[in-house]
Amino acid sequence: MVRKKLGQLEAEVLAVLAGAQGYLSTGELLDGLDGAPAYTTVNTVLFRLLDKKMVERSQRGRAFVYRLVVDESELVAERMFDHLRVASDPSSVLNQFVHGLSTSEEKALRALLNRREE
């Protein structure tokens, strides 16, 4: 299955759903999003994600609620790879990325790279 590239708002909606313990309504999603997008805009994004089979929908009372059905880490990694593939200098991009990591993120990355070498 070929996935279409995610837009910024789609990625933000997926991130909020990934952090949820269960299903969220559009209104609950709005509370977790920056920039206060319109309710109808978030609904449109949810319909697109539903079509892409990235979320599933259920009914809670009279409202629809949504939950993530894909692996968020895989989606984020895919976006990172997409950016690296089109960069004229991927090494510089990686350098900037590494220098922007927090101490705990850097330790986690080092541990992953060390495990890969074993």
N, C-alpha and C. Protein backbone atom coordinates (compact mmCIF):
# COMPACT_ATOMS: atom_id res chain seq x y z
N MET A 1 0.84 -1.18 0.00
CA MET A 1 0.00 0.00 0.00
C MET A 1 0.88 1.24 0.00
N VAL A 2 0.65 2.17 -0.89
CA VAL A 2 1.40 3.42 -0.96
C VAL A 2 0.66 4.49 -0.17
N ARG A 3 1.37 5.10 0.75
CA ARG A 3 0.75 6.15 1.55
C ARG A 3 1.05 7.51 0.96
N LYS A 4 0.07 8.40 1.02
CA LYS A 4 0.29 9.77 0.62
C LYS A 4 1.07 10.47 1.72
N LYS A 5 1.82 11.49 1.35
CA LYS A 5 2.58 12.24 2.34
C LYS A 5 1.62 12.97 3.28
N LEU A 6 2.05 13.09 4.53
CA LEU A 6 1.24 13.75 5.54
C LEU A 6 1.46 15.25 5.54
N GLY A 7 0.41 15.99 5.73
CA GLY A 7 0.51 17.41 5.93
C GLY A 7 0.85 17.69 7.38
N GLN A 8 1.20 18.92 7.69
CA GLN A 8 1.58 19.29 9.05
C GLN A 8 0.44 19.06 10.04
N LEU A 9 -0.77 19.48 9.70
CA LEU A 9 -1.90 19.30 10.61
C LEU A 9 -2.22 17.82 10.78
N GLU A 10 -2.11 17.06 9.72
CA GLU A 10 -2.32 15.61 9.83
C GLU A 10 -1.34 15.02 10.83
N ALA A 11 -0.08 15.42 10.73
CA ALA A 11 0.95 14.90 11.63
C ALA A 11 0.65 15.30 13.08
N GLU A 12 0.18 16.54 13.28
CA GLU A 12 -0.15 16.99 14.63
C GLU A 12 -1.35 16.22 15.20
N VAL A 13 -2.34 15.97 14.37
CA VAL A 13 -3.51 15.20 14.81
C VAL A 13 -3.08 13.79 15.18
N LEU A 14 -2.23 13.18 14.36
CA LEU A 14 -1.74 11.83 14.67
C LEU A 14 -0.96 11.81 15.97
N ALA A 15 -0.16 12.85 16.22
CA ALA A 15 0.61 12.91 17.46
C ALA A 15 -0.31 13.00 18.68
N VAL A 16 -1.36 13.80 18.59
CA VAL A 16 -2.31 13.91 19.70
C VAL A 16 -3.00 12.56 19.92
N LEU A 17 -3.41 11.91 18.84
CA LEU A 17 -4.06 10.60 18.97
C LEU A 17 -3.10 9.56 19.53
N ALA A 18 -1.83 9.64 19.16
CA ALA A 18 -0.84 8.69 19.67
C ALA A 18 -0.67 8.84 21.18
N GLY A 19 -0.81 10.04 21.68
CA GLY A 19 -0.66 10.26 23.11
C GLY A 19 -1.91 9.99 23.92
N ALA A 20 -3.00 9.70 23.25
CA ALA A 20 -4.27 9.45 23.93
C ALA A 20 -4.35 8.01 24.42
N GLN A 21 -5.11 7.81 25.46
CA GLN A 21 -5.30 6.46 26.01
C GLN A 21 -6.43 5.70 25.31
N GLY A 22 -7.20 6.40 24.52
CA GLY A 22 -8.31 5.76 23.83
C GLY A 22 -8.80 6.64 22.70
N TYR A 23 -10.07 6.60 22.47
CA TYR A 23 -10.69 7.38 21.40
C TYR A 23 -10.84 8.84 21.83
N LEU A 24 -10.71 9.75 20.86
CA LEU A 24 -10.91 11.18 21.09
C LEU A 24 -11.92 11.73 20.10
N SER A 25 -12.73 12.65 20.57
CA SER A 25 -13.65 13.36 19.68
C SER A 25 -12.90 14.50 19.00
N THR A 26 -13.51 15.12 18.02
CA THR A 26 -12.90 16.27 17.35
C THR A 26 -12.63 17.38 18.36
N GLY A 27 -13.57 17.64 19.24
CA GLY A 27 -13.38 18.68 20.26
C GLY A 27 -12.22 18.38 21.19
N GLU A 28 -12.09 17.13 21.59
CA GLU A 28 -10.97 16.73 22.46
C GLU A 28 -9.64 16.87 21.72
N LEU A 29 -9.65 16.56 20.45
CA LEU A 29 -8.44 16.73 19.63
C LEU A 29 -8.04 18.20 19.55
N LEU A 30 -9.03 19.05 19.36
CA LEU A 30 -8.77 20.50 19.27
C LEU A 30 -8.03 21.01 20.50
N ASP A 31 -8.37 20.48 21.67
CA ASP A 31 -7.72 20.90 22.91
C ASP A 31 -6.22 20.59 22.91
N GLY A 32 -5.82 19.57 22.18
CA GLY A 32 -4.41 19.17 22.15
C GLY A 32 -3.61 19.76 21.01
N LEU A 33 -4.25 20.54 20.13
CA LEU A 33 -3.57 21.09 18.96
C LEU A 33 -3.18 22.55 19.17
N ASP A 34 -2.04 22.93 18.64
CA ASP A 34 -1.59 24.32 18.68
C ASP A 34 -2.24 25.10 17.55
N GLY A 35 -2.39 26.39 17.74
CA GLY A 35 -2.85 27.26 16.67
C GLY A 35 -4.35 27.33 16.48
N ALA A 36 -5.10 26.61 17.25
CA ALA A 36 -6.57 26.65 17.20
C ALA A 36 -7.14 26.53 15.79
N PRO A 37 -6.88 25.39 15.10
CA PRO A 37 -7.50 25.20 13.79
C PRO A 37 -9.02 25.10 13.94
N ALA A 38 -9.72 25.35 12.88
CA ALA A 38 -11.18 25.28 12.90
C ALA A 38 -11.65 23.84 13.10
N TYR A 39 -12.76 23.69 13.78
CA TYR A 39 -13.37 22.40 14.03
C TYR A 39 -13.56 21.64 12.72
N THR A 40 -14.08 22.33 11.71
CA THR A 40 -14.34 21.68 10.42
C THR A 40 -13.05 21.24 9.73
N THR A 41 -11.98 22.01 9.94
CA THR A 41 -10.67 21.64 9.37
C THR A 41 -10.17 20.35 9.99
N VAL A 42 -10.29 20.24 11.31
CA VAL A 42 -9.85 19.03 12.00
C VAL A 42 -10.71 17.84 11.56
N ASN A 43 -12.01 18.05 11.39
CA ASN A 43 -12.87 16.98 10.89
C ASN A 43 -12.43 16.52 9.51
N THR A 44 -12.09 17.46 8.64
CA THR A 44 -11.61 17.12 7.30
C THR A 44 -10.35 16.27 7.37
N VAL A 45 -9.42 16.67 8.24
CA VAL A 45 -8.18 15.92 8.43
C VAL A 45 -8.51 14.51 8.92
N LEU A 46 -9.41 14.40 9.87
CA LEU A 46 -9.79 13.08 10.39
C LEU A 46 -10.40 12.20 9.30
N PHE A 47 -11.23 12.77 8.44
CA PHE A 47 -11.81 12.01 7.33
C PHE A 47 -10.71 11.51 6.39
N ARG A 48 -9.72 12.36 6.13
CA ARG A 48 -8.61 11.95 5.27
C ARG A 48 -7.80 10.84 5.91
N LEU A 49 -7.53 10.96 7.21
CA LEU A 49 -6.78 9.92 7.92
C LEU A 49 -7.57 8.62 7.97
N LEU A 50 -8.86 8.72 8.07
CA LEU A 50 -9.73 7.55 8.04
C LEU A 50 -9.64 6.86 6.67
N ASP A 51 -9.67 7.67 5.60
CA ASP A 51 -9.53 7.13 4.24
C ASP A 51 -8.17 6.45 4.04
N LYS A 52 -7.14 7.00 4.69
CA LYS A 52 -5.78 6.44 4.58
C LYS A 52 -5.59 5.25 5.51
N LYS A 53 -6.63 4.91 6.28
CA LYS A 53 -6.60 3.79 7.22
C LYS A 53 -5.54 3.98 8.31
N MET A 54 -5.36 5.22 8.73
CA MET A 54 -4.42 5.54 9.80
C MET A 54 -5.14 5.70 11.14
N VAL A 55 -6.44 5.96 11.08
CA VAL A 55 -7.27 6.04 12.27
C VAL A 55 -8.51 5.20 12.05
N GLU A 56 -9.15 4.87 13.16
CA GLU A 56 -10.45 4.22 13.05
C GLU A 56 -11.45 5.07 13.81
N ARG A 57 -12.72 4.92 13.45
CA ARG A 57 -13.77 5.75 14.00
C ARG A 57 -14.81 4.87 14.69
N SER A 58 -15.30 5.38 15.79
CA SER A 58 -16.37 4.72 16.51
C SER A 58 -17.37 5.80 16.91
N GLN A 59 -18.46 5.39 17.50
CA GLN A 59 -19.45 6.38 17.91
C GLN A 59 -19.57 6.39 19.42
N ARG A 60 -19.55 7.60 19.98
CA ARG A 60 -19.75 7.81 21.41
C ARG A 60 -20.95 8.74 21.52
N GLY A 61 -22.08 8.19 21.91
CA GLY A 61 -23.31 8.99 21.92
C GLY A 61 -23.64 9.39 20.50
N ARG A 62 -23.77 10.70 20.28
CA ARG A 62 -24.08 11.20 18.94
C ARG A 62 -22.83 11.64 18.17
N ALA A 63 -21.69 11.59 18.84
CA ALA A 63 -20.44 12.07 18.22
C ALA A 63 -19.57 10.91 17.75
N PHE A 64 -18.77 11.18 16.73
CA PHE A 64 -17.76 10.22 16.31
C PHE A 64 -16.49 10.47 17.10
N VAL A 65 -15.79 9.40 17.41
CA VAL A 65 -14.50 9.48 18.10
C VAL A 65 -13.49 8.66 17.30
N TYR A 66 -12.22 9.02 17.45
CA TYR A 66 -11.16 8.45 16.61
C TYR A 66 -10.00 7.97 17.47
N ARG A 67 -9.31 6.95 16.94
CA ARG A 67 -8.07 6.50 17.59
C ARG A 67 -7.08 6.07 16.52
N LEU A 68 -5.82 6.17 16.86
CA LEU A 68 -4.73 5.83 15.96
C LEU A 68 -4.65 4.31 15.79
N VAL A 69 -4.43 3.85 14.56
CA VAL A 69 -4.29 2.41 14.32
C VAL A 69 -2.98 2.07 13.62
N VAL A 70 -2.08 3.04 13.51
CA VAL A 70 -0.76 2.81 12.93
C VAL A 70 0.30 3.16 13.96
N ASP A 71 1.51 2.75 13.72
CA ASP A 71 2.63 3.01 14.62
C ASP A 71 3.16 4.42 14.38
N GLU A 72 3.03 5.28 15.38
CA GLU A 72 3.46 6.67 15.25
C GLU A 72 4.96 6.76 14.95
N SER A 73 5.78 5.94 15.61
CA SER A 73 7.23 6.03 15.41
C SER A 73 7.59 5.72 13.96
N GLU A 74 6.88 4.79 13.34
CA GLU A 74 7.13 4.46 11.94
C GLU A 74 6.77 5.64 11.03
N LEU A 75 5.66 6.31 11.34
CA LEU A 75 5.25 7.46 10.54
C LEU A 75 6.26 8.61 10.63
N VAL A 76 6.71 8.89 11.85
CA VAL A 76 7.66 9.99 12.04
C VAL A 76 8.99 9.65 11.37
N ALA A 77 9.45 8.43 11.52
CA ALA A 77 10.70 8.02 10.87
C ALA A 77 10.59 8.14 9.35
N GLU A 78 9.44 7.78 8.82
CA GLU A 78 9.20 7.88 7.37
C GLU A 78 9.32 9.34 6.91
N ARG A 79 8.77 10.27 7.69
CA ARG A 79 8.87 11.70 7.35
C ARG A 79 10.32 12.16 7.39
N MET A 80 11.07 11.68 8.39
CA MET A 80 12.48 12.06 8.50
C MET A 80 13.26 11.55 7.29
N PHE A 81 13.01 10.30 6.91
CA PHE A 81 13.67 9.74 5.73
C PHE A 81 13.33 10.53 4.47
N ASP A 82 12.06 10.93 4.34
CA ASP A 82 11.65 11.72 3.18
C ASP A 82 12.46 13.01 3.08
N HIS A 83 12.67 13.67 4.20
CA HIS A 83 13.45 14.92 4.21
C HIS A 83 14.92 14.66 3.88
N LEU A 84 15.47 13.58 4.41
CA LEU A 84 16.87 13.27 4.12
C LEU A 84 17.09 12.93 2.65
N ARG A 85 16.14 12.23 2.06
CA ARG A 85 16.28 11.80 0.66
C ARG A 85 16.33 12.98 -0.31
N VAL A 86 15.68 14.08 0.03
CA VAL A 86 15.65 15.22 -0.89
C VAL A 86 16.69 16.29 -0.55
N ALA A 87 17.41 16.10 0.55
CA ALA A 87 18.43 17.08 0.94
C ALA A 87 19.64 16.97 0.02
N SER A 88 20.20 18.12 -0.35
CA SER A 88 21.41 18.10 -1.19
C SER A 88 22.62 17.63 -0.39
N ASP A 89 22.59 17.82 0.94
CA ASP A 89 23.70 17.40 1.80
C ASP A 89 23.14 16.71 3.05
N PRO A 90 22.79 15.43 2.94
CA PRO A 90 22.19 14.73 4.07
C PRO A 90 23.06 14.73 5.33
N SER A 91 24.38 14.71 5.17
CA SER A 91 25.27 14.73 6.34
C SER A 91 25.11 16.01 7.14
N SER A 92 24.96 17.14 6.46
CA SER A 92 24.73 18.40 7.17
C SER A 92 23.39 18.42 7.88
N VAL A 93 22.39 17.82 7.25
CA VAL A 93 21.08 17.73 7.89
C VAL A 93 21.18 16.90 9.16
N LEU A 94 21.84 15.76 9.07
CA LEU A 94 22.02 14.91 10.25
C LEU A 94 22.82 15.63 11.33
N ASN A 95 23.83 16.38 10.92
CA ASN A 95 24.63 17.15 11.88
C ASN A 95 23.76 18.16 12.62
N GLN A 96 22.94 18.88 11.88
CA GLN A 96 22.03 19.85 12.51
C GLN A 96 21.05 19.15 13.44
N PHE A 97 20.56 18.01 13.01
CA PHE A 97 19.61 17.25 13.82
C PHE A 97 20.25 16.83 15.14
N VAL A 98 21.44 16.25 15.06
CA VAL A 98 22.13 15.77 16.26
C VAL A 98 22.44 16.92 17.21
N HIS A 99 22.85 18.05 16.67
CA HIS A 99 23.18 19.20 17.53
C HIS A 99 21.93 19.81 18.18
N GLY A 100 20.78 19.51 17.65
CA GLY A 100 19.54 20.02 18.23
C GLY A 100 18.92 19.10 19.27
N LEU A 101 19.53 17.93 19.48
CA LEU A 101 18.99 16.96 20.43
C LEU A 101 19.25 17.39 21.87
N SER A 102 18.32 17.06 22.74
CA SER A 102 18.55 17.26 24.18
C SER A 102 19.54 16.19 24.65
N THR A 103 20.03 16.33 25.84
CA THR A 103 20.98 15.36 26.38
C THR A 103 20.36 13.97 26.45
N SER A 104 19.12 13.87 26.88
CA SER A 104 18.47 12.55 26.98
C SER A 104 18.21 11.96 25.59
N GLU A 105 17.86 12.80 24.62
CA GLU A 105 17.65 12.31 23.26
C GLU A 105 18.97 11.82 22.65
N GLU A 106 20.05 12.55 22.93
CA GLU A 106 21.36 12.15 22.43
C GLU A 106 21.78 10.81 23.03
N LYS A 107 21.54 10.62 24.32
CA LYS A 107 21.88 9.35 24.97
C LYS A 107 21.08 8.20 24.35
N ALA A 108 19.81 8.44 24.09
CA ALA A 108 18.96 7.41 23.48
C ALA A 108 19.46 7.05 22.08
N LEU A 109 19.84 8.07 21.30
CA LEU A 109 20.36 7.83 19.96
C LEU A 109 21.68 7.06 20.01
N ARG A 110 22.57 7.46 20.93
CA ARG A 110 23.85 6.74 21.07
C ARG A 110 23.61 5.27 21.43
N ALA A 111 22.68 5.02 22.34
CA ALA A 111 22.39 3.64 22.75
C ALA A 111 21.87 2.83 21.56
N LEU A 112 21.01 3.42 20.75
CA LEU A 112 20.49 2.73 19.57
C LEU A 112 21.60 2.43 18.57
N LEU A 113 22.47 3.41 18.33
CA LEU A 113 23.57 3.21 17.38
C LEU A 113 24.55 2.17 17.89
N ASN A 114 24.83 2.17 19.19
CA ASN A 114 25.73 1.16 19.78
C ASN A 114 25.14 -0.23 19.64
N ARG A 115 23.84 -0.36 19.85
CA ARG A 115 23.18 -1.67 19.71
C ARG A 115 23.23 -2.16 18.27
N ARG A 116 23.15 -1.21 17.34
CA ARG A 116 23.17 -1.56 15.92
C ARG A 116 24.53 -2.12 15.51
N GLU A 117 25.59 -1.61 16.14
CA GLU A 117 26.95 -2.05 15.82
C GLU A 117 27.26 -3.43 16.37
N GLU A 118 26.52 -3.87 17.37
CA GLU A 118 26.80 -5.18 18.00
C GLU A 118 26.36 -6.33 17.15
